[in-house]
Amino acid sequence: MSYISDTAQFGDNVIIEDDVQIGDNVIIGHNSVILRGTKIGNNVSTGCNCVLGIKPTVNKRMRKTSNLTELVIESGTRIGHLVSIYSSTRVGKNVFIGDHASLRENTIVGDETVIGRAAIVELNTKIGKSCTIQTQSYVTGDTVIEDNVFIGPCVSMANDKYMGAQSYNLKGPYIKHGAKIGNNASLLPGIKIGKETIVGAGSVVTKDLEDRIVAVGVPAKRIGLS
């Protein structure tokens, strides 16, 4: 059953499907589409040409996501223009999502996190509170990012150790509390980055890194303490 607050504001050509909930003082920009099952909390704003609540489509070579639920966007979140967010995702309170960003299904984004312009967050990913994912970063599927993590511009991550050549349980990086990843760094599948560890710009992380160190290079190696 749909609920749309009388205080919500809508631009031109907005489409809202059935079974949608839209809270107080919400602003939806021109030409945006709110798909079935989406729940938007109070004081949320979106830019123009956004699509919220997308159901994933696949072919026979892609993973199928089962037991899809609604997209939930909690209060105070700000969403830019041309943003796409899939179903079964939960976006916390006071999150900022920049223009052209994309969040896939089964993703959790913690309160007050920033997702930068044109960043991509793939499926089954958990992002903690007060994180920063900067412009054009690629967060692969099956990744865990704890609270207060900084991901610099154009960081890239992988979750398939064999690049499709053989069966493998997909697993992205695990980045612990307070870690900082410099711009253009690459993180290989399944690696762990320790608490408050700093990874230098352009580094390639091929193995686990312990807590509170600085690591740089290709492959990344410890050069000191953070």
C-alpha atoms as a PDB file:
ATOM      1  CA  MET A   1       0.000   0.000   0.000  1.00  0.00           C
ATOM      2  CA  SER A   2       1.398   3.389  -0.973  1.00  0.00           C
ATOM      3  CA  TYR A   3       1.858   6.386   1.306  1.00  0.00           C
ATOM      4  CA  ILE A   4       2.932   9.769  -0.042  1.00  0.00           C
ATOM      5  CA  SER A   5       3.169  12.695   2.367  1.00  0.00           C
ATOM      6  CA  ASP A   6       1.273  15.855   1.526  1.00  0.00           C
ATOM      7  CA  THR A   7       4.477  17.822   2.128  1.00  0.00           C
ATOM      8  CA  ALA A   8       6.499  15.957  -0.526  1.00  0.00           C
ATOM      9  CA  GLN A   9       7.464  17.949  -3.646  1.00  0.00           C
ATOM     10  CA  PHE A  10       7.813  16.514  -7.146  1.00  0.00           C
ATOM     11  CA  GLY A  11       9.363  17.884 -10.328  1.00  0.00           C
ATOM     12  CA  ASP A  12       7.952  17.446 -13.803  1.00  0.00           C
ATOM     13  CA  ASN A  13       7.448  13.971 -15.302  1.00  0.00           C
ATOM     14  CA  VAL A  14       8.075  12.034 -12.072  1.00  0.00           C
ATOM     15  CA  ILE A  15       6.787   8.445 -12.148  1.00  0.00           C
ATOM     16  CA  ILE A  16       5.818   6.712  -8.894  1.00  0.00           C
ATOM     17  CA  GLU A  17       4.771   3.061  -8.985  1.00  0.00           C
ATOM     18  CA  ASP A  18       2.480   1.284  -6.513  1.00  0.00           C
ATOM     19  CA  ASP A  19       3.539   0.227  -3.006  1.00  0.00           C
ATOM     20  CA  VAL A  20       5.839   3.214  -2.494  1.00  0.00           C
ATOM     21  CA  GLN A  21       6.276   5.178   0.734  1.00  0.00           C
ATOM     22  CA  ILE A  22       7.471   8.792   0.636  1.00  0.00           C
ATOM     23  CA  GLY A  23       7.921  10.740   3.877  1.00  0.00           C
ATOM     24  CA  ASP A  24       7.579  14.355   4.892  1.00  0.00           C
ATOM     25  CA  ASN A  25       9.414  17.162   3.082  1.00  0.00           C
ATOM     26  CA  VAL A  26      10.859  14.850   0.430  1.00  0.00           C
ATOM     27  CA  ILE A  27      11.975  16.473  -2.842  1.00  0.00           C
ATOM     28  CA  ILE A  28      12.079  14.385  -6.044  1.00  0.00           C
ATOM     29  CA  GLY A  29      13.707  15.992  -9.097  1.00  0.00           C
ATOM     30  CA  HIS A  30      12.413  16.162 -12.661  1.00  0.00           C
ATOM     31  CA  ASN A  31      12.081  12.953 -14.708  1.00  0.00           C
ATOM     32  CA  SER A  32      12.878  10.635 -11.798  1.00  0.00           C
ATOM     33  CA  VAL A  33      11.318   7.178 -11.388  1.00  0.00           C
ATOM     34  CA  ILE A  34      10.414   5.657  -8.020  1.00  0.00           C
ATOM     35  CA  LEU A  35       9.822   1.935  -8.538  1.00  0.00           C
ATOM     36  CA  ARG A  36       7.594  -0.464  -6.643  1.00  0.00           C
ATOM     37  CA  GLY A  37       8.489  -1.180  -3.019  1.00  0.00           C
ATOM     38  CA  THR A  38      10.719   1.851  -2.450  1.00  0.00           C
ATOM     39  CA  LYS A  39      10.591   3.511   0.970  1.00  0.00           C
ATOM     40  CA  ILE A  40      11.905   7.060   1.313  1.00  0.00           C
ATOM     41  CA  GLY A  41      12.216   8.662   4.752  1.00  0.00           C
ATOM     42  CA  ASN A  42      11.625  12.240   5.812  1.00  0.00           C
ATOM     43  CA  ASN A  43      13.682  15.153   4.460  1.00  0.00           C
ATOM     44  CA  VAL A  44      15.277  13.172   1.627  1.00  0.00           C
ATOM     45  CA  SER A  45      16.052  14.958  -1.644  1.00  0.00           C
ATOM     46  CA  THR A  46      16.950  13.592  -5.066  1.00  0.00           C
ATOM     47  CA  GLY A  47      18.165  15.323  -8.189  1.00  0.00           C
ATOM     48  CA  CYS A  48      16.792  14.915 -11.690  1.00  0.00           C
ATOM     49  CA  ASN A  49      16.687  11.710 -13.751  1.00  0.00           C
ATOM     50  CA  CYS A  50      17.191   9.303 -10.849  1.00  0.00           C
ATOM     51  CA  VAL A  51      15.870   5.719 -10.814  1.00  0.00           C
ATOM     52  CA  LEU A  52      15.239   4.228  -7.367  1.00  0.00           C
ATOM     53  CA  GLY A  53      14.303   0.627  -6.568  1.00  0.00           C
ATOM     54  CA  ILE A  54      15.624  -1.101  -9.700  1.00  0.00           C
ATOM     55  CA  LYS A  55      15.129  -4.876  -9.925  1.00  0.00           C
ATOM     56  CA  PRO A  56      18.303  -6.487 -11.321  1.00  0.00           C
ATOM     57  CA  THR A  57      18.278  -8.225 -14.684  1.00  0.00           C
ATOM     58  CA  VAL A  58      20.801 -10.928 -15.577  1.00  0.00           C
ATOM     59  CA  ASN A  59      21.773 -13.377 -18.277  1.00  0.00           C
ATOM     60  CA  LYS A  60      22.805 -17.030 -17.833  1.00  0.00           C
ATOM     61  CA  ARG A  61      26.428 -16.110 -17.073  1.00  0.00           C
ATOM     62  CA  MET A  62      25.563 -13.722 -14.246  1.00  0.00           C
ATOM     63  CA  ARG A  63      24.627 -14.336 -10.623  1.00  0.00           C
ATOM     64  CA  LYS A  64      20.936 -14.246  -9.820  1.00  0.00           C
ATOM     65  CA  THR A  65      19.822 -12.399  -6.702  1.00  0.00           C
ATOM     66  CA  SER A  66      16.982 -14.104  -4.854  1.00  0.00           C
ATOM     67  CA  ASN A  67      14.614 -12.909  -2.108  1.00  0.00           C
ATOM     68  CA  LEU A  68      14.693  -9.288  -3.184  1.00  0.00           C
ATOM     69  CA  THR A  69      13.150  -6.788  -0.787  1.00  0.00           C
ATOM     70  CA  GLU A  70      12.434  -3.078  -0.911  1.00  0.00           C
ATOM     71  CA  LEU A  71      14.885  -0.211  -1.283  1.00  0.00           C
ATOM     72  CA  VAL A  72      14.985   1.845   1.928  1.00  0.00           C
ATOM     73  CA  ILE A  73      16.406   5.380   1.998  1.00  0.00           C
ATOM     74  CA  GLU A  74      16.466   6.802   5.504  1.00  0.00           C
ATOM     75  CA  SER A  75      15.860  10.372   6.612  1.00  0.00           C
ATOM     76  CA  GLY A  76      18.050  13.320   5.676  1.00  0.00           C
ATOM     77  CA  THR A  77      19.841  11.647   2.767  1.00  0.00           C
ATOM     78  CA  ARG A  78      20.798  13.750  -0.269  1.00  0.00           C
ATOM     79  CA  ILE A  79      20.975  12.150  -3.722  1.00  0.00           C
ATOM     80  CA  GLY A  80      22.407  13.877  -6.797  1.00  0.00           C
ATOM     81  CA  HIS A  81      21.359  13.767 -10.438  1.00  0.00           C
ATOM     82  CA  LEU A  82      21.311  10.639 -12.637  1.00  0.00           C
ATOM     83  CA  VAL A  83      21.723   8.268  -9.694  1.00  0.00           C
ATOM     84  CA  SER A  84      20.573   4.628  -9.863  1.00  0.00           C
ATOM     85  CA  ILE A  85      19.905   2.576  -6.715  1.00  0.00           C
ATOM     86  CA  TYR A  86      18.718  -1.026  -6.778  1.00  0.00           C
ATOM     87  CA  SER A  87      16.198  -2.856  -4.618  1.00  0.00           C
ATOM     88  CA  SER A  88      17.156  -4.714  -1.416  1.00  0.00           C
ATOM     89  CA  THR A  89      19.520  -1.875  -0.516  1.00  0.00           C
ATOM     90  CA  ARG A  90      19.405   0.218   2.642  1.00  0.00           C
ATOM     91  CA  VAL A  91      20.822   3.738   2.643  1.00  0.00           C
ATOM     92  CA  GLY A  92      21.260   5.180   6.143  1.00  0.00           C
ATOM     93  CA  LYS A  93      20.526   8.588   7.591  1.00  0.00           C
ATOM     94  CA  ASN A  94      22.178  11.769   6.295  1.00  0.00           C
ATOM     95  CA  VAL A  95      24.069   9.976   3.521  1.00  0.00           C
ATOM     96  CA  PHE A  96      25.266  11.951   0.493  1.00  0.00           C
ATOM     97  CA  ILE A  97      25.294  10.272  -2.945  1.00  0.00           C
ATOM     98  CA  GLY A  98      26.853  12.245  -5.784  1.00  0.00           C
ATOM     99  CA  ASP A  99      25.748  12.650  -9.404  1.00  0.00           C
ATOM    100  CA  HIS A 100      25.953   9.574 -11.677  1.00  0.00           C
ATOM    101  CA  ALA A 101      26.622   7.159  -8.792  1.00  0.00           C
ATOM    102  CA  SER A 102      25.212   3.619  -8.850  1.00  0.00           C
ATOM    103  CA  LEU A 103      24.413   1.302  -5.914  1.00  0.00           C
ATOM    104  CA  ARG A 104      23.543  -2.317  -6.666  1.00  0.00           C
ATOM    105  CA  GLU A 105      21.209  -4.653  -4.786  1.00  0.00           C
ATOM    106  CA  ASN A 106      21.755  -6.026  -1.265  1.00  0.00           C
ATOM    107  CA  THR A 107      23.999  -3.122  -0.310  1.00  0.00           C
ATOM    108  CA  ILE A 108      24.079  -1.393   3.064  1.00  0.00           C
ATOM    109  CA  VAL A 109      25.364   2.186   3.404  1.00  0.00           C
ATOM    110  CA  GLY A 110      25.842   3.469   6.960  1.00  0.00           C
ATOM    111  CA  ASP A 111      24.746   6.817   8.354  1.00  0.00           C
ATOM    112  CA  GLU A 112      26.569   9.985   7.227  1.00  0.00           C
ATOM    113  CA  THR A 113      28.637   8.220   4.583  1.00  0.00           C
ATOM    114  CA  VAL A 114      29.569  10.063   1.377  1.00  0.00           C
ATOM    115  CA  ILE A 115      29.419   8.267  -1.989  1.00  0.00           C
ATOM    116  CA  GLY A 116      31.212  10.435  -4.539  1.00  0.00           C
ATOM    117  CA  ARG A 117      30.351  11.439  -8.076  1.00  0.00           C
ATOM    118  CA  ALA A 118      30.206   8.502 -10.524  1.00  0.00           C
ATOM    119  CA  ALA A 119      31.257   5.994  -7.853  1.00  0.00           C
ATOM    120  CA  ILE A 120      29.994   2.438  -8.336  1.00  0.00           C
ATOM    121  CA  VAL A 121      29.092   0.120  -5.468  1.00  0.00           C
ATOM    122  CA  GLU A 122      28.359  -3.450  -6.532  1.00  0.00           C
ATOM    123  CA  LEU A 123      26.011  -6.021  -4.968  1.00  0.00           C
ATOM    124  CA  ASN A 124      26.234  -7.625  -1.514  1.00  0.00           C
ATOM    125  CA  THR A 125      28.454  -4.878  -0.126  1.00  0.00           C
ATOM    126  CA  LYS A 126      28.428  -3.423   3.379  1.00  0.00           C
ATOM    127  CA  ILE A 127      29.695   0.117   3.948  1.00  0.00           C
ATOM    128  CA  GLY A 128      29.884   1.452   7.499  1.00  0.00           C
ATOM    129  CA  LYS A 129      29.124   4.814   9.039  1.00  0.00           C
ATOM    130  CA  SER A 130      30.951   8.080   8.236  1.00  0.00           C
ATOM    131  CA  CYS A 131      32.901   6.620   5.307  1.00  0.00           C
ATOM    132  CA  THR A 132      34.052   8.557   2.240  1.00  0.00           C
ATOM    133  CA  ILE A 133      34.005   6.834  -1.163  1.00  0.00           C
ATOM    134  CA  GLN A 134      35.396   9.422  -3.547  1.00  0.00           C
ATOM    135  CA  THR A 135      34.811  10.206  -7.210  1.00  0.00           C
ATOM    136  CA  GLN A 136      34.847   7.317  -9.711  1.00  0.00           C
ATOM    137  CA  SER A 137      35.846   4.695  -7.160  1.00  0.00           C
ATOM    138  CA  TYR A 138      34.803   1.120  -7.919  1.00  0.00           C
ATOM    139  CA  VAL A 139      33.701  -0.949  -4.922  1.00  0.00           C
ATOM    140  CA  THR A 140      33.363  -4.517  -6.141  1.00  0.00           C
ATOM    141  CA  GLY A 141      30.653  -6.903  -4.999  1.00  0.00           C
ATOM    142  CA  ASP A 142      30.967  -8.857  -1.733  1.00  0.00           C
ATOM    143  CA  THR A 143      33.096  -6.159  -0.077  1.00  0.00           C
ATOM    144  CA  VAL A 144      33.023  -5.103   3.583  1.00  0.00           C
ATOM    145  CA  ILE A 145      34.045  -1.571   4.576  1.00  0.00           C
ATOM    146  CA  GLU A 146      33.927  -0.730   8.276  1.00  0.00           C
ATOM    147  CA  ASP A 147      33.245   2.712   9.807  1.00  0.00           C
ATOM    148  CA  ASN A 148      35.307   5.860   9.107  1.00  0.00           C
ATOM    149  CA  VAL A 149      37.113   4.450   6.068  1.00  0.00           C
ATOM    150  CA  PHE A 150      38.420   6.803   3.355  1.00  0.00           C
ATOM    151  CA  ILE A 151      38.540   5.567  -0.264  1.00  0.00           C
ATOM    152  CA  GLY A 152      40.298   7.982  -2.610  1.00  0.00           C
ATOM    153  CA  PRO A 153      39.352   8.840  -6.195  1.00  0.00           C
ATOM    154  CA  CYS A 154      39.497   6.064  -8.801  1.00  0.00           C
ATOM    155  CA  VAL A 155      40.327   3.267  -6.359  1.00  0.00           C
ATOM    156  CA  SER A 156      39.541  -0.118  -7.914  1.00  0.00           C
ATOM    157  CA  MET A 157      38.693  -3.429  -6.234  1.00  0.00           C
ATOM    158  CA  ALA A 158      38.261  -7.012  -7.453  1.00  0.00           C
ATOM    159  CA  ASN A 159      36.343 -10.017  -6.118  1.00  0.00           C
ATOM    160  CA  ASP A 160      37.149 -12.806  -8.606  1.00  0.00           C
ATOM    161  CA  LYS A 161      40.555 -14.365  -8.000  1.00  0.00           C
ATOM    162  CA  TYR A 162      40.517 -16.346 -11.260  1.00  0.00           C
ATOM    163  CA  MET A 163      38.793 -13.742 -13.460  1.00  0.00           C
ATOM    164  CA  GLY A 164      36.078 -16.179 -14.495  1.00  0.00           C
ATOM    165  CA  ALA A 165      38.474 -18.974 -15.526  1.00  0.00           C
ATOM    166  CA  GLN A 166      37.217 -21.363 -12.826  1.00  0.00           C
ATOM    167  CA  SER A 167      34.662 -21.637 -10.068  1.00  0.00           C
ATOM    168  CA  TYR A 168      35.420 -19.365  -7.113  1.00  0.00           C
ATOM    169  CA  ASN A 169      33.482 -18.049  -4.126  1.00  0.00           C
ATOM    170  CA  LEU A 170      33.469 -14.351  -4.938  1.00  0.00           C
ATOM    171  CA  LYS A 171      34.944 -12.240  -2.167  1.00  0.00           C
ATOM    172  CA  GLY A 172      35.877  -8.578  -2.220  1.00  0.00           C
ATOM    173  CA  PRO A 173      38.296  -6.790   0.111  1.00  0.00           C
ATOM    174  CA  TYR A 174      37.639  -6.368   3.826  1.00  0.00           C
ATOM    175  CA  ILE A 175      38.668  -2.858   4.919  1.00  0.00           C
ATOM    176  CA  LYS A 176      38.753  -2.249   8.661  1.00  0.00           C
ATOM    177  CA  HIS A 177      37.858   0.773  10.768  1.00  0.00           C
ATOM    178  CA  GLY A 178      39.628   4.029   9.936  1.00  0.00           C
ATOM    179  CA  ALA A 179      41.744   2.730   7.045  1.00  0.00           C
ATOM    180  CA  LYS A 180      42.660   5.150   4.233  1.00  0.00           C
ATOM    181  CA  ILE A 181      43.170   4.108   0.610  1.00  0.00           C
ATOM    182  CA  GLY A 182      44.974   6.547  -1.698  1.00  0.00           C
ATOM    183  CA  ASN A 183      43.780   7.462  -5.174  1.00  0.00           C
ATOM    184  CA  ASN A 184      44.180   4.928  -7.998  1.00  0.00           C
ATOM    185  CA  ALA A 185      45.103   2.083  -5.627  1.00  0.00           C
ATOM    186  CA  SER A 186      44.024  -1.448  -6.618  1.00  0.00           C
ATOM    187  CA  LEU A 187      42.797  -3.993  -4.088  1.00  0.00           C
ATOM    188  CA  LEU A 188      42.811  -7.692  -5.044  1.00  0.00           C
ATOM    189  CA  PRO A 189      40.104 -10.219  -4.080  1.00  0.00           C
ATOM    190  CA  GLY A 190      39.730 -11.253  -0.459  1.00  0.00           C
ATOM    191  CA  ILE A 191      42.525  -9.133   1.015  1.00  0.00           C
ATOM    192  CA  LYS A 192      42.186  -7.501   4.430  1.00  0.00           C
ATOM    193  CA  ILE A 193      43.384  -4.015   5.275  1.00  0.00           C
ATOM    194  CA  GLY A 194      43.936  -3.394   8.976  1.00  0.00           C
ATOM    195  CA  LYS A 195      42.543  -0.715  11.261  1.00  0.00           C
ATOM    196  CA  GLU A 196      43.838   2.808  10.555  1.00  0.00           C
ATOM    197  CA  THR A 197      46.237   1.476   7.925  1.00  0.00           C
ATOM    198  CA  ILE A 198      47.173   3.825   5.081  1.00  0.00           C
ATOM    199  CA  VAL A 199      47.618   2.557   1.509  1.00  0.00           C
ATOM    200  CA  GLY A 200      49.560   4.931  -0.731  1.00  0.00           C
ATOM    201  CA  ALA A 201      48.300   6.266  -4.043  1.00  0.00           C
ATOM    202  CA  GLY A 202      48.737   3.886  -6.972  1.00  0.00           C
ATOM    203  CA  SER A 203      49.597   0.900  -4.787  1.00  0.00           C
ATOM    204  CA  VAL A 204      48.468  -2.653  -5.589  1.00  0.00           C
ATOM    205  CA  VAL A 205      47.447  -4.608  -2.482  1.00  0.00           C
ATOM    206  CA  THR A 206      47.954  -8.337  -3.089  1.00  0.00           C
ATOM    207  CA  LYS A 207      48.176  -9.579   0.523  1.00  0.00           C
ATOM    208  CA  ASP A 208      46.652  -8.743   3.909  1.00  0.00           C
ATOM    209  CA  LEU A 209      47.982  -5.643   5.670  1.00  0.00           C
ATOM    210  CA  GLU A 210      48.128  -5.440   9.465  1.00  0.00           C
ATOM    211  CA  ASP A 211      46.718  -2.650  11.641  1.00  0.00           C
ATOM    212  CA  ARG A 212      48.157   0.878  11.773  1.00  0.00           C
ATOM    213  CA  ILE A 213      50.856   0.691   9.123  1.00  0.00           C
ATOM    214  CA  VAL A 214      51.678   2.628   5.955  1.00  0.00           C
ATOM    215  CA  ALA A 215      52.025   0.490   2.817  1.00  0.00           C
ATOM    216  CA  VAL A 216      53.007   1.602  -0.673  1.00  0.00           C
ATOM    217  CA  GLY A 217      54.167   0.143  -3.964  1.00  0.00           C
ATOM    218  CA  VAL A 218      53.474  -2.649  -6.434  1.00  0.00           C
ATOM    219  CA  PRO A 219      52.933  -4.924  -4.631  1.00  0.00           C
ATOM    220  CA  ALA A 220      52.165  -2.839  -1.539  1.00  0.00           C
ATOM    221  CA  LYS A 221      54.697  -3.267   1.284  1.00  0.00           C
ATOM    222  CA  ARG A 222      54.980  -1.799   4.748  1.00  0.00           C
ATOM    223  CA  ILE A 223      57.222   1.251   5.003  1.00  0.00           C
ATOM    224  CA  GLY A 224      56.256   2.498   8.465  1.00  0.00           C
ATOM    225  CA  LEU A 225      53.523   3.060  11.035  1.00  0.00           C
ATOM    226  CA  SER A 226      50.450   5.184  10.504  1.00  0.00           C
END
